[in-house]
């Protein structure tokens, strides 16, 4: 995986967990290693998209907490 690889942990609302750089399918009956390269690359992409979305939301929340910029034109 690349430097922008997703962090270890469970994908939200899924039975998929990333442990030590490997994807696992997890259920109450046990776990199985996901070895199909197409499937795991899609999981990598999805996890990276989720990480990017989480960061975008965090950035938006941080901007909402900043004081408003002064507006020379005033409000109408």
PDB file of N, CA and C in Angstrom:
ATOM      1  N   UNK A   1       0.835  -1.187   0.000  1.00  0.00           N
ATOM      2  CA  UNK A   1       0.000   0.000   0.000  1.00  0.00           C
ATOM      3  C   UNK A   1       0.870   1.236   0.000  1.00  0.00           C
ATOM      4  N   UNK A   2       0.312   2.326  -0.470  1.00  0.00           N
ATOM      5  CA  UNK A   2       1.061   3.575  -0.600  1.00  0.00           C
ATOM      6  C   UNK A   2       1.098   4.341   0.708  1.00  0.00           C
ATOM      7  N   UNK A   3       1.804   5.487   0.669  1.00  0.00           N
ATOM      8  CA  UNK A   3       1.900   6.324   1.865  1.00  0.00           C
ATOM      9  C   UNK A   3       0.545   6.873   2.274  1.00  0.00           C
ATOM     10  N   UNK A   4      -0.379   7.012   1.310  1.00  0.00           N
ATOM     11  CA  UNK A   4      -1.703   7.530   1.634  1.00  0.00           C
ATOM     12  C   UNK A   4      -2.674   6.391   1.950  1.00  0.00           C
ATOM     13  N   UNK A   5      -2.137   5.258   2.336  1.00  0.00           N
ATOM     14  CA  UNK A   5      -2.969   4.100   2.651  1.00  0.00           C
ATOM     15  C   UNK A   5      -3.854   4.406   3.844  1.00  0.00           C
ATOM     16  N   UNK A   6      -5.025   3.787   3.885  1.00  0.00           N
ATOM     17  CA  UNK A   6      -5.938   4.015   5.004  1.00  0.00           C
ATOM     18  C   UNK A   6      -5.366   3.488   6.309  1.00  0.00           C
ATOM     19  N   UNK A   7      -5.888   4.039   7.405  1.00  0.00           N
ATOM     20  CA  UNK A   7      -5.454   3.581   8.721  1.00  0.00           C
ATOM     21  C   UNK A   7      -6.074   2.230   9.018  1.00  0.00           C
ATOM     22  N   UNK A   8      -5.465   1.555   9.980  1.00  0.00           N
ATOM     23  CA  UNK A   8      -6.000   0.274  10.417  1.00  0.00           C
ATOM     24  C   UNK A   8      -7.342   0.497  11.094  1.00  0.00           C
ATOM     25  N   UNK A   9      -8.205  -0.479  10.990  1.00  0.00           N
ATOM     26  CA  UNK A   9      -9.486  -0.412  11.666  1.00  0.00           C
ATOM     27  C   UNK A   9     -10.622  -0.850  10.770  1.00  0.00           C
ATOM     28  N   UNK A  10     -11.805  -0.855  11.329  1.00  0.00           N
ATOM     29  CA  UNK A  10     -13.004  -1.299  10.626  1.00  0.00           C
ATOM     30  C   UNK A  10     -13.544  -0.179   9.743  1.00  0.00           C
ATOM     31  N   UNK A  11     -13.965  -0.547   8.530  1.00  0.00           N
ATOM     32  CA  UNK A  11     -14.686   0.408   7.699  1.00  0.00           C
ATOM     33  C   UNK A  11     -16.071   0.583   8.296  1.00  0.00           C
ATOM     34  N   UNK A  12     -16.529   1.806   8.346  1.00  0.00           N
ATOM     35  CA  UNK A  12     -17.808   2.128   8.961  1.00  0.00           C
ATOM     36  C   UNK A  12     -18.929   1.308   8.320  1.00  0.00           C
ATOM     37  N   UNK A  13     -19.776   0.750   9.155  1.00  0.00           N
ATOM     38  CA  UNK A  13     -20.946  -0.025   8.729  1.00  0.00           C
ATOM     39  C   UNK A  13     -20.607  -1.156   7.769  1.00  0.00           C
ATOM     40  N   UNK A  14     -19.500  -1.817   8.003  1.00  0.00           N
ATOM     41  CA  UNK A  14     -19.125  -2.940   7.146  1.00  0.00           C
ATOM     42  C   UNK A  14     -18.478  -4.034   7.983  1.00  0.00           C
ATOM     43  N   UNK A  15     -18.436  -5.245   7.442  1.00  0.00           N
ATOM     44  CA  UNK A  15     -17.764  -6.344   8.134  1.00  0.00           C
ATOM     45  C   UNK A  15     -16.301  -6.468   7.711  1.00  0.00           C
ATOM     46  N   UNK A  16     -15.695  -5.349   7.325  1.00  0.00           N
ATOM     47  CA  UNK A  16     -14.332  -5.366   6.788  1.00  0.00           C
ATOM     48  C   UNK A  16     -13.403  -4.609   7.728  1.00  0.00           C
ATOM     49  N   UNK A  17     -12.246  -5.244   8.029  1.00  0.00           N
ATOM     50  CA  UNK A  17     -11.271  -4.657   8.935  1.00  0.00           C
ATOM     51  C   UNK A  17      -9.897  -4.702   8.270  1.00  0.00           C
ATOM     52  N   UNK A  18      -9.137  -3.609   8.422  1.00  0.00           N
ATOM     53  CA  UNK A  18      -7.760  -3.557   7.944  1.00  0.00           C
ATOM     54  C   UNK A  18      -6.847  -3.783   9.137  1.00  0.00           C
ATOM     55  N   UNK A  19      -6.073  -4.871   9.090  1.00  0.00           N
ATOM     56  CA  UNK A  19      -5.135  -5.206  10.166  1.00  0.00           C
ATOM     57  C   UNK A  19      -3.771  -5.470   9.546  1.00  0.00           C
ATOM     58  N   UNK A  20      -2.774  -4.755  10.005  1.00  0.00           N
ATOM     59  CA  UNK A  20      -1.401  -4.955   9.535  1.00  0.00           C
ATOM     60  C   UNK A  20      -1.306  -4.940   8.011  1.00  0.00           C
ATOM     61  N   UNK A  21      -2.051  -4.028   7.383  1.00  0.00           N
ATOM     62  CA  UNK A  21      -1.996  -3.878   5.930  1.00  0.00           C
ATOM     63  C   UNK A  21      -2.770  -4.917   5.151  1.00  0.00           C
ATOM     64  N   UNK A  22      -3.536  -5.756   5.825  1.00  0.00           N
ATOM     65  CA  UNK A  22      -4.331  -6.780   5.149  1.00  0.00           C
ATOM     66  C   UNK A  22      -5.796  -6.611   5.505  1.00  0.00           C
ATOM     67  N   UNK A  23      -6.653  -6.808   4.507  1.00  0.00           N
ATOM     68  CA  UNK A  23      -8.094  -6.707   4.707  1.00  0.00           C
ATOM     69  C   UNK A  23      -8.654  -8.051   5.156  1.00  0.00           C
ATOM     70  N   UNK A  24      -9.511  -7.993   6.153  1.00  0.00           N
ATOM     71  CA  UNK A  24     -10.176  -9.171   6.694  1.00  0.00           C
ATOM     72  C   UNK A  24     -11.682  -8.967   6.654  1.00  0.00           C
ATOM     73  N   UNK A  25     -12.408 -10.028   6.319  1.00  0.00           N
ATOM     74  CA  UNK A  25     -13.864 -10.046   6.424  1.00  0.00           C
ATOM     75  C   UNK A  25     -14.179 -10.685   7.765  1.00  0.00           C
ATOM     76  N   UNK A  26     -14.962 -10.003   8.583  1.00  0.00           N
ATOM     77  CA  UNK A  26     -15.176 -10.429   9.962  1.00  0.00           C
ATOM     78  C   UNK A  26     -16.664 -10.646  10.206  1.00  0.00           C
ATOM     79  N   UNK A  27     -16.983 -11.740  10.873  1.00  0.00           N
ATOM     80  CA  UNK A  27     -18.364 -12.007  11.283  1.00  0.00           C
ATOM     81  C   UNK A  27     -18.335 -12.668  12.649  1.00  0.00           C
ATOM     82  N   UNK A  28     -19.502 -12.929  13.174  1.00  0.00           N
ATOM     83  CA  UNK A  28     -19.587 -13.615  14.452  1.00  0.00           C
ATOM     84  C   UNK A  28     -19.018 -15.026  14.403  1.00  0.00           C
ATOM     85  N   UNK A  29     -18.989 -15.608  13.202  1.00  0.00           N
ATOM     86  CA  UNK A  29     -18.484 -16.971  13.041  1.00  0.00           C
ATOM     87  C   UNK A  29     -16.966 -17.023  12.891  1.00  0.00           C
ATOM     88  N   UNK A  30     -16.336 -15.868  12.645  1.00  0.00           N
ATOM     89  CA  UNK A  30     -14.892 -15.845  12.492  1.00  0.00           C
ATOM     90  C   UNK A  30     -14.457 -14.833  11.445  1.00  0.00           C
ATOM     91  N   UNK A  31     -13.194 -14.919  11.052  1.00  0.00           N
ATOM     92  CA  UNK A  31     -12.610 -13.976  10.103  1.00  0.00           C
ATOM     93  C   UNK A  31     -11.956 -14.736   8.958  1.00  0.00           C
ATOM     94  N   UNK A  32     -11.928 -14.078   7.800  1.00  0.00           N
ATOM     95  CA  UNK A  32     -11.245 -14.657   6.649  1.00  0.00           C
ATOM     96  C   UNK A  32     -10.456 -13.548   5.956  1.00  0.00           C
ATOM     97  N   UNK A  33      -9.242 -13.866   5.573  1.00  0.00           N
ATOM     98  CA  UNK A  33      -8.378 -12.913   4.894  1.00  0.00           C
ATOM     99  C   UNK A  33      -8.880 -12.680   3.466  1.00  0.00           C
ATOM    100  N   UNK A  34      -9.001 -11.426   3.082  1.00  0.00           N
ATOM    101  CA  UNK A  34      -9.370 -11.079   1.704  1.00  0.00           C
ATOM    102  C   UNK A  34      -8.092 -11.063   0.875  1.00  0.00           C
ATOM    103  N   UNK A  35      -8.014 -11.934  -0.118  1.00  0.00           N
ATOM    104  CA  UNK A  35      -6.788 -12.056  -0.899  1.00  0.00           C
ATOM    105  C   UNK A  35      -6.952 -11.638  -2.354  1.00  0.00           C
ATOM    106  N   UNK A  36      -8.170 -11.415  -2.812  1.00  0.00           N
ATOM    107  CA  UNK A  36      -8.384 -11.038  -4.205  1.00  0.00           C
ATOM    108  C   UNK A  36      -7.880  -9.611  -4.424  1.00  0.00           C
ATOM    109  N   UNK A  37      -6.891  -9.416  -5.315  1.00  0.00           N
ATOM    110  CA  UNK A  37      -6.296  -8.091  -5.486  1.00  0.00           C
ATOM    111  C   UNK A  37      -7.282  -7.030  -5.993  1.00  0.00           C
ATOM    112  N   UNK A  38      -8.238  -7.428  -6.812  1.00  0.00           N
ATOM    113  CA  UNK A  38      -9.231  -6.465  -7.291  1.00  0.00           C
ATOM    114  C   UNK A  38     -10.100  -5.989  -6.138  1.00  0.00           C
ATOM    115  N   UNK A  39     -10.564  -6.925  -5.327  1.00  0.00           N
ATOM    116  CA  UNK A  39     -11.406  -6.596  -4.185  1.00  0.00           C
ATOM    117  C   UNK A  39     -10.663  -5.729  -3.179  1.00  0.00           C
ATOM    118  N   UNK A  40      -9.434  -6.115  -2.846  1.00  0.00           N
ATOM    119  CA  UNK A  40      -8.685  -5.356  -1.846  1.00  0.00           C
ATOM    120  C   UNK A  40      -8.305  -3.966  -2.358  1.00  0.00           C
ATOM    121  N   UNK A  41      -8.067  -3.820  -3.658  1.00  0.00           N
ATOM    122  CA  UNK A  41      -7.764  -2.475  -4.171  1.00  0.00           C
ATOM    123  C   UNK A  41      -9.008  -1.589  -4.112  1.00  0.00           C
ATOM    124  N   UNK A  42     -10.175  -2.174  -4.311  1.00  0.00           N
ATOM    125  CA  UNK A  42     -11.419  -1.402  -4.172  1.00  0.00           C
ATOM    126  C   UNK A  42     -11.621  -1.007  -2.711  1.00  0.00           C
ATOM    127  N   UNK A  43     -11.330  -1.912  -1.790  1.00  0.00           N
ATOM    128  CA  UNK A  43     -11.414  -1.577  -0.363  1.00  0.00           C
ATOM    129  C   UNK A  43     -10.439  -0.458  -0.017  1.00  0.00           C
ATOM    130  N   UNK A  44      -9.211  -0.514  -0.563  1.00  0.00           N
ATOM    131  CA  UNK A  44      -8.230   0.552  -0.333  1.00  0.00           C
ATOM    132  C   UNK A  44      -8.786   1.895  -0.809  1.00  0.00           C
ATOM    133  N   UNK A  45      -9.331   1.899  -2.025  1.00  0.00           N
ATOM    134  CA  UNK A  45      -9.883   3.141  -2.579  1.00  0.00           C
ATOM    135  C   UNK A  45     -11.041   3.672  -1.765  1.00  0.00           C
ATOM    136  N   UNK A  46     -11.925   2.777  -1.333  1.00  0.00           N
ATOM    137  CA  UNK A  46     -13.060   3.195  -0.523  1.00  0.00           C
ATOM    138  C   UNK A  46     -12.599   3.760   0.814  1.00  0.00           C
ATOM    139  N   UNK A  47     -11.640   3.098   1.441  1.00  0.00           N
ATOM    140  CA  UNK A  47     -11.132   3.575   2.730  1.00  0.00           C
ATOM    141  C   UNK A  47     -10.446   4.929   2.578  1.00  0.00           C
ATOM    142  N   UNK A  48      -9.708   5.120   1.489  1.00  0.00           N
ATOM    143  CA  UNK A  48      -9.061   6.414   1.246  1.00  0.00           C
ATOM    144  C   UNK A  48     -10.106   7.500   1.017  1.00  0.00           C
ATOM    145  N   UNK A  49     -11.174   7.168   0.298  1.00  0.00           N
ATOM    146  CA  UNK A  49     -12.252   8.140   0.079  1.00  0.00           C
ATOM    147  C   UNK A  49     -12.937   8.499   1.391  1.00  0.00           C
ATOM    148  N   UNK A  50     -13.142   7.512   2.256  1.00  0.00           N
ATOM    149  CA  UNK A  50     -13.752   7.782   3.561  1.00  0.00           C
ATOM    150  C   UNK A  50     -12.849   8.673   4.409  1.00  0.00           C
ATOM    151  N   UNK A  51     -11.540   8.422   4.369  1.00  0.00           N
ATOM    152  CA  UNK A  51     -10.585   9.246   5.108  1.00  0.00           C
ATOM    153  C   UNK A  51     -10.605  10.677   4.581  1.00  0.00           C
ATOM    154  N   UNK A  52     -10.635  10.834   3.261  1.00  0.00           N
ATOM    155  CA  UNK A  52     -10.685  12.171   2.661  1.00  0.00           C
ATOM    156  C   UNK A  52     -11.984  12.888   3.027  1.00  0.00           C
ATOM    157  N   UNK A  53     -13.089  12.164   3.031  1.00  0.00           N
ATOM    158  CA  UNK A  53     -14.370  12.767   3.405  1.00  0.00           C
ATOM    159  C   UNK A  53     -14.369  13.195   4.869  1.00  0.00           C
ATOM    160  N   UNK A  54     -13.834  12.346   5.738  1.00  0.00           N
ATOM    161  CA  UNK A  54     -13.736  12.707   7.155  1.00  0.00           C
ATOM    162  C   UNK A  54     -12.894  13.967   7.338  1.00  0.00           C
ATOM    163  N   UNK A  55     -11.797  14.067   6.583  1.00  0.00           N
ATOM    164  CA  UNK A  55     -10.931  15.244   6.682  1.00  0.00           C
ATOM    165  C   UNK A  55     -11.647  16.488   6.168  1.00  0.00           C
ATOM    166  N   UNK A  56     -12.400  16.348   5.076  1.00  0.00           N
ATOM    167  CA  UNK A  56     -13.141  17.487   4.530  1.00  0.00           C
ATOM    168  C   UNK A  56     -14.179  17.991   5.534  1.00  0.00           C
ATOM    169  N   UNK A  57     -14.861  17.076   6.201  1.00  0.00           N
ATOM    170  CA  UNK A  57     -15.847  17.463   7.210  1.00  0.00           C
ATOM    171  C   UNK A  57     -15.151  18.157   8.378  1.00  0.00           C
ATOM    172  N   UNK A  58     -14.022  17.626   8.812  1.00  0.00           N
ATOM    173  CA  UNK A  58     -13.272  18.250   9.909  1.00  0.00           C
ATOM    174  C   UNK A  58     -12.820  19.655   9.514  1.00  0.00           C
ATOM    175  N   UNK A  59     -12.371  19.824   8.269  1.00  0.00           N
ATOM    176  CA  UNK A  59     -11.958  21.147   7.791  1.00  0.00           C
ATOM    177  C   UNK A  59     -13.129  22.124   7.767  1.00  0.00           C
ATOM    178  N   UNK A  60     -14.287  21.662   7.319  1.00  0.00           N
ATOM    179  CA  UNK A  60     -15.470  22.526   7.301  1.00  0.00           C
ATOM    180  C   UNK A  60     -15.873  22.941   8.709  1.00  0.00           C
ATOM    181  N   UNK A  61     -15.829  22.002   9.635  1.00  0.00           N
ATOM    182  CA  UNK A  61     -16.182  22.330  11.027  1.00  0.00           C
ATOM    183  C   UNK A  61     -15.193  23.329  11.616  1.00  0.00           C
ATOM    184  N   UNK A  62     -13.924  23.160  11.292  1.00  0.00           N
ATOM    185  CA  UNK A  62     -12.910  24.099  11.788  1.00  0.00           C
ATOM    186  C   UNK A  62     -13.152  25.494  11.226  1.00  0.00           C
ATOM    187  N   UNK A  63     -13.521  25.569   9.948  1.00  0.00           N
ATOM    188  CA  UNK A  63     -13.789  26.883   9.345  1.00  0.00           C
ATOM    189  C   UNK A  63     -15.029  27.528   9.940  1.00  0.00           C
ATOM    190  N   UNK A  64     -16.018  26.727  10.319  1.00  0.00           N
ATOM    191  CA  UNK A  64     -17.229  27.279  10.933  1.00  0.00           C
ATOM    192  C   UNK A  64     -16.913  27.906  12.285  1.00  0.00           C
ATOM    193  N   UNK A  65     -15.890  27.411  12.951  1.00  0.00           N
ATOM    194  CA  UNK A  65     -15.527  27.925  14.264  1.00  0.00           C
ATOM    195  C   UNK A  65     -14.613  29.137  14.195  1.00  0.00           C
ATOM    196  N   UNK A  66     -14.146  29.498  12.987  1.00  0.00           N
ATOM    197  CA  UNK A  66     -13.302  30.671  12.836  1.00  0.00           C
ATOM    198  C   UNK A  66     -14.153  31.932  12.857  1.00  0.00           C
ATOM    199  N   UNK A  67     -13.584  33.037  13.338  1.00  0.00           N
ATOM    200  CA  UNK A  67     -14.353  34.293  13.296  1.00  0.00           C
ATOM    201  C   UNK A  67     -14.569  34.702  11.831  1.00  0.00           C
ATOM    202  N   UNK A  68     -15.691  35.330  11.542  1.00  0.00           N
ATOM    203  CA  UNK A  68     -15.963  35.725  10.155  1.00  0.00           C
ATOM    204  C   UNK A  68     -14.953  36.770   9.678  1.00  0.00           C
ATOM    205  N   UNK A  69     -14.630  36.688   8.396  1.00  0.00           N
ATOM    206  CA  UNK A  69     -13.717  37.674   7.793  1.00  0.00           C
ATOM    207  C   UNK A  69     -14.461  39.000   7.691  1.00  0.00           C
ATOM    208  N   UNK A  70     -13.729  40.102   7.854  1.00  0.00           N
ATOM    209  CA  UNK A  70     -14.388  41.410   7.739  1.00  0.00           C
ATOM    210  C   UNK A  70     -14.827  41.623   6.301  1.00  0.00           C
ATOM    211  N   UNK A  71     -16.011  42.179   6.146  1.00  0.00           N
ATOM    212  CA  UNK A  71     -16.587  42.417   4.821  1.00  0.00           C
ATOM    213  C   UNK A  71     -16.694  43.912   4.614  1.00  0.00           C
ATOM    214  N   UNK A  72     -15.869  44.460   3.731  1.00  0.00           N
ATOM    215  CA  UNK A  72     -15.828  45.902   3.494  1.00  0.00           C
ATOM    216  C   UNK A  72     -17.133  46.389   2.883  1.00  0.00           C
ATOM    217  N   UNK A  73     -17.848  45.536   2.156  1.00  0.00           N
ATOM    218  CA  UNK A  73     -19.081  45.950   1.484  1.00  0.00           C
ATOM    219  C   UNK A  73     -20.283  45.938   2.364  1.00  0.00           C
ATOM    220  N   UNK A  74     -20.203  45.345   3.504  1.00  0.00           N
ATOM    221  CA  UNK A  74     -21.357  45.281   4.391  1.00  0.00           C
ATOM    222  C   UNK A  74     -22.374  44.256   3.930  1.00  0.00           C
ATOM    223  N   UNK A  75     -23.448  44.141   4.666  1.00  0.00           N
ATOM    224  CA  UNK A  75     -24.491  43.176   4.349  1.00  0.00           C
ATOM    225  C   UNK A  75     -25.711  43.887   3.825  1.00  0.00           C
ATOM    226  N   UNK A  76     -26.405  43.287   2.907  1.00  0.00           N
ATOM    227  CA  UNK A  76     -27.640  43.889   2.352  1.00  0.00           C
ATOM    228  C   UNK A  76     -28.856  43.214   2.891  1.00  0.00           C
TER     229      UNK A  76
END
